[in-house]
Amino acid sequence: MRELSIFIDESGDYGEYQHHSPYYIISMVFHDQSILIDDPVRKLNRELSYLKLDNLCIHTGPIIRMEEIYNVMSKKDRRTILNKLVAFVRNVDIKYVSFAVEKKHLDGTVDIIARISKQIASFIRDHYDELLPYDVIKVYYDNGQIEVTKMLASVFGALLPQVEFKKVLPVDYKLFQVADLICTMRLITLKLEHKGLSKSEIEFFGNHKNLKKNYLQRIESKKWE
């Protein structure tokens, strides 16, 4: 039986436009379960263990902003963690896609949901012949926002006949942590295009060349066009 897993995370919210939250982003990471990734997962966990970070849930935004458990770590250690996650992405057979809307010119929650739903539906239709052969498609989401849960159920349920939804704890799945990485990198890409990197992002990445070469370009090959 062919099984496809889709890990979904988001950045931003459905609220009105604010300067600190100009975009709403949903990212999806696709993994064909017939392609084993156990060894890369074990390798990543082992490397984190060497750093005394057993069972770490890698959360990209806080790593960059020096928040949560990362607020006592040096920039070098935080970069090491993120670099290991990026290396993991490059070494596993996955694909990703990211959808984004700018909230500035949208009229609240209904408009945002409509725009993002349209993008997701268009992607599914474009790749329908690749998705349909799977006997089951399992969608993993942490139910962070009830509007997202309803929207995903509506779009996937309407377009694909073999979808199941699973609530996920981010710490349990490295690919969910990858979806979080993809969301953050999409947000950073949008900021770059509009010259809006924060002080913490500039401090963490050093310069635009380093950011593009060592992070953005390294995950680009996994994008599902």
Protein backbone atom coordinates (compact mmCIF):
# COMPACT_ATOMS: atom_id res chain seq x y z
CA MET A 1 0.00 0.00 0.00
CA ARG A 2 1.44 3.35 -1.05
CA GLU A 3 1.32 6.00 1.66
CA LEU A 4 2.20 9.71 1.48
CA SER A 5 2.73 11.79 4.58
CA ILE A 6 2.25 15.57 4.50
CA PHE A 7 3.55 17.61 7.42
CA ILE A 8 2.03 21.07 7.64
CA ASP A 9 3.09 24.13 9.60
CA GLU A 10 2.28 27.82 9.44
CA SER A 11 3.74 31.23 10.14
CA GLY A 12 1.66 34.24 11.06
CA ASP A 13 -2.04 34.35 11.80
CA TYR A 14 -5.40 35.24 10.33
CA GLY A 15 -5.56 38.53 12.18
CA GLU A 16 -5.52 41.96 10.62
CA TYR A 17 -2.36 43.29 9.04
CA GLN A 18 0.28 44.47 11.48
CA HIS A 19 3.82 45.61 10.76
CA HIS A 20 5.33 42.73 12.74
CA SER A 21 3.06 40.14 11.07
CA PRO A 22 2.59 41.15 7.40
CA TYR A 23 2.27 37.64 5.91
CA TYR A 24 0.41 34.41 6.46
CA ILE A 25 2.33 31.31 5.32
CA ILE A 26 1.54 27.61 5.14
CA SER A 27 4.28 25.11 4.28
CA MET A 28 3.93 21.42 3.47
CA VAL A 29 6.58 18.70 3.54
CA PHE A 30 5.86 15.54 1.52
CA HIS A 31 7.35 12.14 2.28
CA ASP A 32 6.66 8.88 0.46
CA GLN A 33 6.64 6.31 3.26
CA SER A 34 8.23 3.66 1.03
CA ILE A 35 11.44 5.71 1.15
CA LEU A 36 13.02 5.17 4.54
CA ILE A 37 14.61 8.08 6.37
CA ASP A 38 15.37 6.25 9.62
CA ASP A 39 19.14 6.54 9.25
CA PRO A 40 19.20 10.32 8.66
CA VAL A 41 16.80 10.80 11.60
CA ARG A 42 19.01 8.70 13.86
CA LYS A 43 22.07 10.62 12.68
CA LEU A 44 20.45 13.97 13.45
CA ASN A 45 19.31 12.78 16.89
CA ARG A 46 22.79 11.45 17.60
CA GLU A 47 24.43 14.73 16.63
CA LEU A 48 21.99 16.65 18.83
CA SER A 49 22.74 14.23 21.66
CA TYR A 50 26.44 15.03 21.35
CA LEU A 51 25.43 18.64 22.01
CA LYS A 52 23.49 17.49 25.11
CA LEU A 53 20.22 18.30 23.35
CA ASP A 54 18.41 14.96 23.53
CA ASN A 55 14.78 15.01 22.35
CA LEU A 56 15.17 18.56 21.07
CA CYS A 57 12.31 19.98 19.04
CA ILE A 58 14.15 22.25 16.62
CA HIS A 59 12.21 25.50 16.32
CA THR A 60 13.83 27.72 13.70
CA GLY A 61 12.35 31.11 14.60
CA PRO A 62 13.41 31.00 18.26
CA ILE A 63 16.88 29.79 17.22
CA ILE A 64 17.31 32.92 15.10
CA ARG A 65 15.73 35.27 17.65
CA MET A 66 17.50 33.70 20.64
CA GLU A 67 14.23 32.81 22.37
CA GLU A 68 12.88 29.93 24.51
CA ILE A 69 15.60 27.40 25.40
CA TYR A 70 17.97 29.08 22.94
CA ASN A 71 18.20 32.31 24.94
CA VAL A 72 21.26 31.02 26.84
CA MET A 73 23.05 29.66 23.74
CA SER A 74 25.77 31.38 21.77
CA LYS A 75 25.23 32.30 18.14
CA LYS A 76 27.74 29.60 17.18
CA ASP A 77 25.75 26.88 18.98
CA ARG A 78 22.45 28.10 17.56
CA ARG A 79 23.91 28.14 14.06
CA THR A 80 25.24 24.61 14.59
CA ILE A 81 21.75 23.33 15.41
CA LEU A 82 20.16 25.01 12.41
CA ASN A 83 22.96 23.87 10.10
CA LYS A 84 22.36 20.28 11.18
CA LEU A 85 18.67 20.57 10.35
CA VAL A 86 19.47 22.06 6.93
CA ALA A 87 21.93 19.20 6.29
CA PHE A 88 19.20 16.75 7.28
CA VAL A 89 16.84 18.30 4.72
CA ARG A 90 19.44 17.88 1.99
CA ASN A 91 20.02 14.22 2.90
CA VAL A 92 16.42 12.97 2.93
CA ASP A 93 14.17 12.28 -0.04
CA ILE A 94 11.37 14.78 0.54
CA LYS A 95 9.65 17.61 -1.27
CA TYR A 96 8.13 20.80 0.03
CA VAL A 97 5.87 23.60 -1.07
CA SER A 98 5.06 26.91 0.60
CA PHE A 99 2.05 29.19 0.15
CA ALA A 100 1.97 32.82 1.24
CA VAL A 101 -0.37 35.78 1.24
CA GLU A 102 0.38 39.37 2.17
CA LYS A 103 -2.27 40.55 4.60
CA LYS A 104 -1.84 44.26 3.92
CA HIS A 105 -4.41 44.43 1.12
CA LEU A 106 -6.78 41.71 2.36
CA ASP A 107 -10.05 42.12 4.21
CA GLY A 108 -9.63 40.02 7.33
CA THR A 109 -9.89 36.30 8.05
CA VAL A 110 -12.36 35.31 5.32
CA ASP A 111 -10.26 36.89 2.58
CA ILE A 112 -7.02 35.35 3.88
CA ILE A 113 -8.60 31.88 4.07
CA ALA A 114 -10.01 32.25 0.57
CA ARG A 115 -6.65 33.28 -0.92
CA ILE A 116 -4.58 30.55 0.79
CA SER A 117 -7.23 27.89 0.05
CA LYS A 118 -7.14 28.82 -3.63
CA GLN A 119 -3.35 28.41 -3.74
CA ILE A 120 -3.46 25.00 -2.06
CA ALA A 121 -6.29 23.79 -4.28
CA SER A 122 -4.42 24.94 -7.39
CA PHE A 123 -1.32 23.04 -6.28
CA ILE A 124 -3.30 19.85 -5.66
CA ARG A 125 -4.95 20.08 -9.08
CA ASP A 126 -1.59 20.69 -10.78
CA HIS A 127 -0.12 17.59 -9.09
CA TYR A 128 -3.28 15.48 -9.03
CA ASP A 129 -1.82 12.74 -11.22
CA GLU A 130 1.10 12.38 -8.81
CA LEU A 131 -1.06 12.40 -5.68
CA LEU A 132 -3.94 10.18 -6.80
CA PRO A 133 -2.00 6.86 -7.01
CA TYR A 134 -1.37 6.86 -3.25
CA ASP A 135 -3.67 4.52 -1.35
CA VAL A 136 -3.65 6.87 1.61
CA ILE A 137 -2.45 10.42 2.22
CA LYS A 138 -1.93 11.28 5.86
CA VAL A 139 -1.93 14.97 6.73
CA TYR A 140 -0.09 15.84 9.95
CA TYR A 141 -0.88 19.17 11.62
CA ASP A 142 -0.64 20.29 15.26
CA ASN A 143 -4.11 21.90 15.20
CA GLY A 144 -2.51 25.22 16.09
CA GLN A 145 -5.36 27.28 14.62
CA ILE A 146 -8.86 25.86 14.27
CA GLU A 147 -9.44 27.86 11.07
CA VAL A 148 -6.46 26.11 9.46
CA THR A 149 -7.72 22.68 10.51
CA LYS A 150 -11.12 23.36 8.96
CA MET A 151 -9.61 24.82 5.80
CA LEU A 152 -7.25 21.88 5.27
CA ALA A 153 -10.03 19.36 5.83
CA SER A 154 -12.24 21.20 3.36
CA VAL A 155 -9.64 21.56 0.57
CA PHE A 156 -8.03 18.14 0.83
CA GLY A 157 -11.34 16.39 1.43
CA ALA A 158 -12.91 17.96 -1.63
CA LEU A 159 -10.07 17.17 -4.03
CA LEU A 160 -8.59 13.87 -2.87
CA PRO A 161 -10.51 10.73 -1.88
CA GLN A 162 -7.95 9.04 0.35
CA VAL A 163 -6.97 11.62 2.98
CA GLU A 164 -6.62 11.06 6.72
CA PHE A 165 -5.82 13.76 9.27
CA LYS A 166 -3.49 13.24 12.20
CA LYS A 167 -2.75 15.56 15.10
CA VAL A 168 0.99 15.79 15.61
CA LEU A 169 3.26 16.78 18.46
CA PRO A 170 6.14 18.67 16.81
CA VAL A 171 8.76 17.04 19.04
CA ASP A 172 7.81 13.60 17.68
CA TYR A 173 8.46 14.26 13.99
CA LYS A 174 11.60 15.72 12.45
CA LEU A 175 9.68 16.38 9.23
CA PHE A 176 7.26 18.61 11.09
CA GLN A 177 10.29 20.53 12.35
CA VAL A 178 11.39 20.75 8.71
CA ALA A 179 7.98 22.27 7.83
CA ASP A 180 8.64 24.87 10.52
CA LEU A 181 12.05 25.56 8.95
CA ILE A 182 10.46 25.98 5.51
CA CYS A 183 7.92 28.47 6.90
CA THR A 184 10.63 30.56 8.50
CA MET A 185 12.81 30.53 5.39
CA ARG A 186 9.84 31.54 3.21
CA LEU A 187 9.15 34.44 5.57
CA ILE A 188 12.81 35.48 5.43
CA THR A 189 12.76 35.30 1.63
CA LEU A 190 9.74 37.60 1.54
CA LYS A 191 11.46 39.99 3.93
CA LEU A 192 14.57 39.99 1.74
CA GLU A 193 12.50 40.93 -1.28
CA HIS A 194 11.11 43.91 0.62
CA LYS A 195 14.33 44.79 2.50
CA GLY A 196 12.78 44.02 5.84
CA LEU A 197 15.08 41.67 7.77
CA SER A 198 14.95 42.16 11.52
CA LYS A 199 17.98 43.00 13.64
CA SER A 200 18.05 39.46 15.07
CA GLU A 201 17.98 37.95 11.56
CA ILE A 202 20.82 40.18 10.38
CA GLU A 203 22.80 39.36 13.51
CA PHE A 204 22.25 35.61 13.11
CA PHE A 205 22.96 35.22 9.39
CA GLY A 206 25.64 37.87 9.10
CA ASN A 207 24.86 39.06 5.58
CA HIS A 208 22.58 38.34 2.65
CA LYS A 209 25.20 36.32 0.78
CA ASN A 210 25.68 33.91 3.69
CA LEU A 211 21.93 33.61 4.17
CA LYS A 212 21.28 32.76 0.52
CA LYS A 213 24.28 30.45 0.03
CA ASN A 214 24.18 28.46 3.27
CA TYR A 215 20.45 28.32 3.94
CA LEU A 216 18.01 29.39 1.23
CA GLN A 217 19.82 27.78 -1.72
CA ARG A 218 20.55 24.59 0.19
CA ILE A 219 16.90 23.76 0.68
CA GLU A 220 15.72 25.09 -2.69
CA SER A 221 16.44 21.78 -4.46
CA LYS A 222 13.69 20.10 -2.42
CA LYS A 223 10.97 22.45 -3.61
CA TRP A 224 8.11 20.74 -5.44
CA GLU A 225 7.46 22.89 -8.49
